[in-house]
Amino acid sequence: MTLLRKEGERMFGVVLWSDPDQNRAVIWCEDHGNLAFLSSEVVQGVEACAIEAGDLVRFDIVDDGKVRRAENAQLVEPGAYPQLVSSLQTAADRKKQNEVQKFESSGTKVVPIDVARARTPSRTGFLQNGHRLRSI
């Protein structure tokens, strides 16, 4: 059983996503709790835009009740986990495919989301494919 870290404690995490233009990042925390969000100009002497997916960082965790934030982040090892994001995506894709196969084998029809969206009327009264709704 993993215990969640208390606010203010230092922890390690791996950057899953970063936006160099906005100086933001999303971090997978070592305690496997909620993801932590980093929004900072500087990460212990390194510009936040230098942080990339797969980097190992250490930070203070702050939970304000709405979101977990990473503060006082320090870049520990650039590129420590270069395949983590693709491994997580592969696992998610497999899970999704297994769920689809489960529904299909039970006789349930699975409609791809893009088809479902095309059938859904927009707020303007037009379907997304450009056809106007008609009253019956």
N, C-alpha and C. Protein backbone atom coordinates (compact mmCIF):
# COMPACT_ATOMS: atom_id res chain seq x y z
N MET A 1 0.84 -1.18 0.00
CA MET A 1 0.00 0.00 0.00
C MET A 1 0.88 1.24 0.00
N THR A 2 0.62 2.16 -0.92
CA THR A 2 1.41 3.37 -1.04
C THR A 2 0.74 4.49 -0.25
N LEU A 3 1.52 5.16 0.55
CA LEU A 3 1.01 6.30 1.31
C LEU A 3 1.25 7.58 0.54
N LEU A 4 0.23 8.43 0.48
CA LEU A 4 0.39 9.71 -0.19
C LEU A 4 1.25 10.62 0.66
N ARG A 5 2.05 11.41 0.00
CA ARG A 5 2.92 12.33 0.71
C ARG A 5 2.11 13.49 1.27
N LYS A 6 2.60 14.01 2.39
CA LYS A 6 1.95 15.17 3.00
C LYS A 6 2.41 16.42 2.30
N GLU A 7 1.55 17.44 2.36
CA GLU A 7 1.88 18.72 1.75
C GLU A 7 3.21 19.23 2.31
N GLY A 8 4.01 19.78 1.43
CA GLY A 8 5.29 20.37 1.82
C GLY A 8 6.45 19.38 1.79
N GLU A 9 6.17 18.09 1.69
CA GLU A 9 7.24 17.10 1.62
C GLU A 9 7.84 17.09 0.21
N ARG A 10 9.12 16.78 0.15
CA ARG A 10 9.80 16.66 -1.14
C ARG A 10 9.50 15.29 -1.73
N MET A 11 9.34 15.24 -3.03
CA MET A 11 9.15 13.97 -3.70
C MET A 11 9.76 14.02 -5.09
N PHE A 12 9.94 12.85 -5.65
CA PHE A 12 10.43 12.73 -7.01
C PHE A 12 9.24 12.52 -7.93
N GLY A 13 9.43 12.87 -9.19
CA GLY A 13 8.40 12.64 -10.19
C GLY A 13 9.02 12.68 -11.57
N VAL A 14 8.26 12.21 -12.54
CA VAL A 14 8.70 12.20 -13.93
C VAL A 14 7.77 13.10 -14.73
N VAL A 15 8.35 13.97 -15.53
CA VAL A 15 7.58 14.89 -16.36
C VAL A 15 6.90 14.07 -17.46
N LEU A 16 5.57 14.19 -17.54
CA LEU A 16 4.80 13.51 -18.57
C LEU A 16 4.55 14.41 -19.76
N TRP A 17 4.45 15.72 -19.52
CA TRP A 17 4.12 16.68 -20.56
C TRP A 17 4.68 18.03 -20.14
N SER A 18 5.15 18.79 -21.11
CA SER A 18 5.59 20.15 -20.81
C SER A 18 5.24 21.07 -21.97
N ASP A 19 5.02 22.32 -21.65
CA ASP A 19 4.73 23.35 -22.63
C ASP A 19 5.77 24.45 -22.47
N PRO A 20 6.77 24.48 -23.34
CA PRO A 20 7.84 25.46 -23.20
C PRO A 20 7.36 26.90 -23.36
N ASP A 21 6.31 27.11 -24.15
CA ASP A 21 5.82 28.48 -24.36
C ASP A 21 5.13 29.04 -23.12
N GLN A 22 4.45 28.18 -22.36
CA GLN A 22 3.72 28.61 -21.17
C GLN A 22 4.47 28.31 -19.88
N ASN A 23 5.66 27.70 -19.98
CA ASN A 23 6.45 27.32 -18.80
C ASN A 23 5.63 26.48 -17.83
N ARG A 24 5.00 25.43 -18.38
CA ARG A 24 4.19 24.55 -17.55
C ARG A 24 4.58 23.11 -17.80
N ALA A 25 4.28 22.26 -16.83
CA ALA A 25 4.54 20.82 -16.96
C ALA A 25 3.57 20.04 -16.10
N VAL A 26 3.36 18.78 -16.47
CA VAL A 26 2.55 17.85 -15.69
C VAL A 26 3.49 16.74 -15.24
N ILE A 27 3.43 16.40 -13.95
CA ILE A 27 4.37 15.46 -13.36
C ILE A 27 3.65 14.28 -12.74
N TRP A 28 4.14 13.07 -13.04
CA TRP A 28 3.65 11.85 -12.42
C TRP A 28 4.45 11.68 -11.14
N CYS A 29 3.79 11.67 -10.01
CA CYS A 29 4.45 11.68 -8.70
C CYS A 29 4.80 10.28 -8.23
N GLU A 30 5.88 10.20 -7.46
CA GLU A 30 6.35 8.90 -6.96
C GLU A 30 5.35 8.21 -6.04
N ASP A 31 4.46 8.97 -5.41
CA ASP A 31 3.48 8.34 -4.52
C ASP A 31 2.26 7.81 -5.27
N HIS A 32 2.24 7.99 -6.59
CA HIS A 32 1.16 7.52 -7.46
C HIS A 32 -0.18 8.15 -7.11
N GLY A 33 -0.13 9.32 -6.47
CA GLY A 33 -1.35 10.08 -6.20
C GLY A 33 -1.72 10.86 -7.45
N ASN A 34 -2.50 11.91 -7.29
CA ASN A 34 -2.87 12.74 -8.42
C ASN A 34 -1.62 13.35 -9.06
N LEU A 35 -1.73 13.68 -10.33
CA LEU A 35 -0.63 14.32 -11.03
C LEU A 35 -0.38 15.69 -10.41
N ALA A 36 0.84 16.18 -10.53
CA ALA A 36 1.19 17.51 -10.02
C ALA A 36 1.44 18.44 -11.20
N PHE A 37 1.04 19.69 -11.05
CA PHE A 37 1.19 20.68 -12.10
C PHE A 37 2.26 21.68 -11.70
N LEU A 38 3.19 21.89 -12.61
CA LEU A 38 4.28 22.83 -12.40
C LEU A 38 4.06 24.02 -13.32
N SER A 39 4.09 25.20 -12.74
CA SER A 39 3.98 26.42 -13.52
C SER A 39 5.02 27.38 -12.96
N SER A 40 6.11 27.51 -13.69
CA SER A 40 7.22 28.27 -13.13
C SER A 40 8.12 28.78 -14.24
N GLU A 41 8.74 29.91 -14.00
CA GLU A 41 9.72 30.46 -14.93
C GLU A 41 11.07 29.77 -14.76
N VAL A 42 11.42 29.43 -13.53
CA VAL A 42 12.73 28.86 -13.24
C VAL A 42 12.58 27.62 -12.37
N VAL A 43 13.33 26.59 -12.69
CA VAL A 43 13.35 25.37 -11.89
C VAL A 43 14.77 25.20 -11.39
N GLN A 44 15.03 25.69 -10.18
CA GLN A 44 16.34 25.60 -9.55
C GLN A 44 17.47 25.92 -10.55
N GLY A 45 17.40 27.11 -11.14
CA GLY A 45 18.46 27.56 -12.02
C GLY A 45 18.33 27.14 -13.46
N VAL A 46 17.35 26.29 -13.79
CA VAL A 46 17.13 25.85 -15.16
C VAL A 46 15.79 26.42 -15.60
N GLU A 47 15.73 27.01 -16.78
CA GLU A 47 14.45 27.52 -17.26
C GLU A 47 13.47 26.36 -17.39
N ALA A 48 12.23 26.61 -16.99
CA ALA A 48 11.22 25.54 -17.03
C ALA A 48 11.04 25.01 -18.43
N CYS A 49 11.26 25.85 -19.44
CA CYS A 49 11.08 25.38 -20.81
C CYS A 49 12.12 24.32 -21.18
N ALA A 50 13.19 24.19 -20.38
CA ALA A 50 14.20 23.17 -20.64
C ALA A 50 13.75 21.80 -20.13
N ILE A 51 12.69 21.76 -19.33
CA ILE A 51 12.18 20.49 -18.80
C ILE A 51 11.33 19.84 -19.88
N GLU A 52 11.57 18.54 -20.09
CA GLU A 52 10.85 17.81 -21.13
C GLU A 52 10.30 16.51 -20.58
N ALA A 53 9.37 15.92 -21.33
CA ALA A 53 8.81 14.62 -20.95
C ALA A 53 9.94 13.61 -20.76
N GLY A 54 9.85 12.86 -19.67
CA GLY A 54 10.85 11.86 -19.36
C GLY A 54 11.89 12.31 -18.36
N ASP A 55 11.94 13.61 -18.06
CA ASP A 55 12.91 14.13 -17.09
C ASP A 55 12.50 13.77 -15.67
N LEU A 56 13.47 13.42 -14.84
CA LEU A 56 13.24 13.16 -13.42
C LEU A 56 13.44 14.47 -12.67
N VAL A 57 12.45 14.85 -11.86
CA VAL A 57 12.52 16.08 -11.08
C VAL A 57 12.22 15.78 -9.62
N ARG A 58 12.65 16.68 -8.76
CA ARG A 58 12.33 16.61 -7.33
C ARG A 58 11.68 17.94 -6.96
N PHE A 59 10.67 17.90 -6.11
CA PHE A 59 9.88 19.11 -5.84
C PHE A 59 9.15 18.99 -4.52
N ASP A 60 8.62 20.14 -4.07
CA ASP A 60 7.72 20.19 -2.92
C ASP A 60 6.31 20.05 -3.46
N ILE A 61 5.50 19.26 -2.76
CA ILE A 61 4.11 19.08 -3.18
C ILE A 61 3.22 20.01 -2.37
N VAL A 62 2.32 20.71 -3.06
CA VAL A 62 1.36 21.61 -2.42
C VAL A 62 -0.02 21.24 -2.95
N ASP A 63 -0.94 20.92 -2.05
CA ASP A 63 -2.29 20.55 -2.44
C ASP A 63 -3.23 21.62 -1.92
N ASP A 64 -3.83 22.39 -2.83
CA ASP A 64 -4.72 23.47 -2.40
C ASP A 64 -6.18 23.04 -2.38
N GLY A 65 -6.43 21.74 -2.49
CA GLY A 65 -7.80 21.23 -2.46
C GLY A 65 -8.38 21.06 -3.85
N LYS A 66 -7.89 21.79 -4.82
CA LYS A 66 -8.38 21.68 -6.19
C LYS A 66 -7.37 20.98 -7.08
N VAL A 67 -6.11 21.29 -6.86
CA VAL A 67 -5.06 20.76 -7.72
C VAL A 67 -3.79 20.56 -6.91
N ARG A 68 -3.03 19.59 -7.31
CA ARG A 68 -1.71 19.36 -6.70
C ARG A 68 -0.68 20.16 -7.49
N ARG A 69 0.08 20.94 -6.79
CA ARG A 69 1.09 21.76 -7.46
C ARG A 69 2.49 21.34 -7.04
N ALA A 70 3.40 21.40 -8.00
CA ALA A 70 4.81 21.15 -7.74
C ALA A 70 5.49 22.52 -7.61
N GLU A 71 6.19 22.71 -6.51
CA GLU A 71 6.90 23.97 -6.29
C GLU A 71 8.35 23.66 -5.93
N ASN A 72 9.21 24.66 -6.12
CA ASN A 72 10.64 24.52 -5.81
C ASN A 72 11.22 23.30 -6.51
N ALA A 73 10.86 23.13 -7.77
CA ALA A 73 11.30 21.96 -8.52
C ALA A 73 12.78 22.04 -8.86
N GLN A 74 13.39 20.86 -8.91
CA GLN A 74 14.81 20.73 -9.23
C GLN A 74 14.95 19.62 -10.26
N LEU A 75 15.63 19.91 -11.35
CA LEU A 75 15.89 18.90 -12.37
C LEU A 75 16.97 17.96 -11.85
N VAL A 76 16.62 16.68 -11.68
CA VAL A 76 17.53 15.69 -11.13
C VAL A 76 18.31 15.01 -12.24
N GLU A 77 17.58 14.50 -13.25
CA GLU A 77 18.23 13.80 -14.35
C GLU A 77 17.43 13.99 -15.64
N PRO A 78 17.96 14.76 -16.57
CA PRO A 78 17.27 14.95 -17.85
C PRO A 78 17.16 13.62 -18.60
N GLY A 79 15.99 13.36 -19.17
CA GLY A 79 15.78 12.16 -19.98
C GLY A 79 15.93 10.85 -19.25
N ALA A 80 15.66 10.82 -17.95
CA ALA A 80 15.82 9.60 -17.15
C ALA A 80 14.86 8.50 -17.59
N TYR A 81 13.67 8.87 -18.04
CA TYR A 81 12.64 7.90 -18.44
C TYR A 81 12.09 8.28 -19.82
N PRO A 82 12.89 8.14 -20.87
CA PRO A 82 12.48 8.62 -22.19
C PRO A 82 11.29 7.87 -22.79
N GLN A 83 11.05 6.63 -22.38
CA GLN A 83 9.97 5.83 -22.96
C GLN A 83 8.69 5.81 -22.11
N LEU A 84 8.70 6.51 -20.98
CA LEU A 84 7.56 6.42 -20.07
C LEU A 84 6.25 6.88 -20.71
N VAL A 85 6.26 8.02 -21.36
CA VAL A 85 5.03 8.55 -21.95
C VAL A 85 4.49 7.59 -23.01
N SER A 86 5.35 7.09 -23.88
CA SER A 86 4.87 6.17 -24.92
C SER A 86 4.41 4.84 -24.31
N SER A 87 5.05 4.40 -23.24
CA SER A 87 4.62 3.16 -22.56
C SER A 87 3.24 3.33 -21.94
N LEU A 88 2.99 4.49 -21.33
CA LEU A 88 1.67 4.76 -20.75
C LEU A 88 0.61 4.84 -21.85
N GLN A 89 0.95 5.45 -22.98
CA GLN A 89 0.00 5.56 -24.09
C GLN A 89 -0.31 4.17 -24.65
N THR A 90 0.71 3.35 -24.79
CA THR A 90 0.51 1.98 -25.29
C THR A 90 -0.40 1.20 -24.35
N ALA A 91 -0.17 1.32 -23.05
CA ALA A 91 -1.00 0.63 -22.07
C ALA A 91 -2.45 1.12 -22.14
N ALA A 92 -2.64 2.43 -22.29
CA ALA A 92 -3.98 2.99 -22.40
C ALA A 92 -4.67 2.50 -23.68
N ASP A 93 -3.92 2.44 -24.78
CA ASP A 93 -4.50 1.96 -26.04
C ASP A 93 -4.92 0.49 -25.92
N ARG A 94 -4.09 -0.32 -25.27
CA ARG A 94 -4.44 -1.74 -25.08
C ARG A 94 -5.70 -1.88 -24.24
N LYS A 95 -5.78 -1.09 -23.17
CA LYS A 95 -6.96 -1.14 -22.30
C LYS A 95 -8.21 -0.75 -23.08
N LYS A 96 -8.09 0.29 -23.87
CA LYS A 96 -9.23 0.75 -24.68
C LYS A 96 -9.65 -0.33 -25.67
N GLN A 97 -8.68 -0.96 -26.34
CA GLN A 97 -8.98 -2.02 -27.30
C GLN A 97 -9.63 -3.21 -26.60
N ASN A 98 -9.15 -3.57 -25.42
CA ASN A 98 -9.75 -4.68 -24.66
C ASN A 98 -11.19 -4.37 -24.29
N GLU A 99 -11.47 -3.11 -23.93
CA GLU A 99 -12.84 -2.73 -23.58
C GLU A 99 -13.75 -2.81 -24.80
N VAL A 100 -13.26 -2.38 -25.95
CA VAL A 100 -14.04 -2.46 -27.19
C VAL A 100 -14.33 -3.91 -27.53
N GLN A 101 -13.31 -4.77 -27.44
CA GLN A 101 -13.50 -6.19 -27.73
C GLN A 101 -14.50 -6.83 -26.77
N LYS A 102 -14.46 -6.40 -25.51
CA LYS A 102 -15.39 -6.94 -24.51
C LYS A 102 -16.83 -6.58 -24.89
N PHE A 103 -17.05 -5.32 -25.29
CA PHE A 103 -18.39 -4.90 -25.68
C PHE A 103 -18.83 -5.61 -26.95
N GLU A 104 -17.94 -5.71 -27.93
CA GLU A 104 -18.30 -6.35 -29.19
C GLU A 104 -18.63 -7.82 -28.99
N SER A 105 -17.89 -8.51 -28.11
CA SER A 105 -18.16 -9.93 -27.89
C SER A 105 -19.47 -10.14 -27.14
N SER A 106 -19.95 -9.10 -26.44
CA SER A 106 -21.22 -9.23 -25.72
C SER A 106 -22.41 -8.85 -26.61
N GLY A 107 -22.12 -8.48 -27.86
CA GLY A 107 -23.19 -8.12 -28.79
C GLY A 107 -23.53 -6.63 -28.77
N THR A 108 -22.84 -5.87 -27.96
CA THR A 108 -23.07 -4.42 -27.90
C THR A 108 -22.39 -3.75 -29.07
N LYS A 109 -23.07 -2.83 -29.73
CA LYS A 109 -22.49 -2.12 -30.86
C LYS A 109 -21.68 -0.94 -30.34
N VAL A 110 -20.44 -0.84 -30.80
CA VAL A 110 -19.56 0.25 -30.42
C VAL A 110 -19.52 1.24 -31.58
N VAL A 111 -19.89 2.49 -31.31
CA VAL A 111 -19.89 3.53 -32.33
C VAL A 111 -18.69 4.44 -32.08
N PRO A 112 -17.79 4.57 -33.06
CA PRO A 112 -16.64 5.46 -32.87
C PRO A 112 -17.10 6.88 -32.52
N ILE A 113 -16.34 7.55 -31.69
CA ILE A 113 -16.77 8.86 -31.19
C ILE A 113 -16.93 9.89 -32.30
N ASP A 114 -16.12 9.83 -33.36
CA ASP A 114 -16.27 10.80 -34.43
C ASP A 114 -17.60 10.61 -35.16
N VAL A 115 -18.09 9.37 -35.28
CA VAL A 115 -19.40 9.11 -35.88
C VAL A 115 -20.49 9.62 -34.96
N ALA A 116 -20.36 9.36 -33.66
CA ALA A 116 -21.36 9.81 -32.69
C ALA A 116 -21.45 11.34 -32.70
N ARG A 117 -20.32 12.02 -32.78
CA ARG A 117 -20.33 13.49 -32.81
C ARG A 117 -21.01 14.01 -34.06
N ALA A 118 -20.80 13.35 -35.19
CA ALA A 118 -21.41 13.79 -36.44
C ALA A 118 -22.93 13.67 -36.39
N ARG A 119 -23.44 12.75 -35.56
CA ARG A 119 -24.89 12.56 -35.43
C ARG A 119 -25.51 13.48 -34.38
N THR A 120 -24.68 14.15 -33.59
CA THR A 120 -25.17 14.98 -32.50
C THR A 120 -25.39 16.41 -32.98
N PRO A 121 -26.59 16.96 -32.77
CA PRO A 121 -26.82 18.34 -33.20
C PRO A 121 -26.00 19.32 -32.37
N SER A 122 -25.56 20.37 -33.03
CA SER A 122 -24.84 21.42 -32.32
C SER A 122 -25.85 22.38 -31.72
N ARG A 123 -25.39 23.33 -30.96
CA ARG A 123 -26.29 24.31 -30.34
C ARG A 123 -26.93 25.24 -31.36
N THR A 124 -26.36 25.33 -32.55
CA THR A 124 -26.89 26.23 -33.57
C THR A 124 -28.02 25.60 -34.37
N GLY A 125 -28.32 24.31 -34.12
CA GLY A 125 -29.37 23.65 -34.87
C GLY A 125 -28.85 22.94 -36.11
N PHE A 126 -27.55 22.96 -36.34
CA PHE A 126 -26.95 22.28 -37.47
C PHE A 126 -26.18 21.07 -36.96
N LEU A 127 -26.19 20.02 -37.73
CA LEU A 127 -25.32 18.90 -37.43
C LEU A 127 -23.90 19.30 -37.81
N GLN A 128 -22.92 18.61 -37.27
CA GLN A 128 -21.53 18.97 -37.54
C GLN A 128 -21.15 18.78 -39.00
N ASN A 129 -21.88 17.97 -39.75
CA ASN A 129 -21.56 17.79 -41.17
C ASN A 129 -22.21 18.87 -42.04
N GLY A 130 -22.86 19.86 -41.42
CA GLY A 130 -23.40 21.00 -42.17
C GLY A 130 -24.87 20.91 -42.50
N HIS A 131 -25.54 19.78 -42.24
CA HIS A 131 -26.95 19.64 -42.56
C HIS A 131 -27.80 20.27 -41.47
N ARG A 132 -28.88 20.95 -41.87
CA ARG A 132 -29.78 21.60 -40.92
C ARG A 132 -30.77 20.58 -40.39
N LEU A 133 -31.12 20.71 -39.11
CA LEU A 133 -32.14 19.86 -38.51
C LEU A 133 -33.52 20.26 -39.02
N ARG A 134 -34.37 19.27 -39.22
CA ARG A 134 -35.74 19.54 -39.67
C ARG A 134 -36.71 19.07 -38.60
N SER A 135 -37.78 19.83 -38.41
CA SER A 135 -38.83 19.42 -37.48
C SER A 135 -39.70 18.38 -38.13
N ILE A 136 -40.20 17.48 -37.33
CA ILE A 136 -41.10 16.43 -37.86
C ILE A 136 -42.51 16.76 -37.45
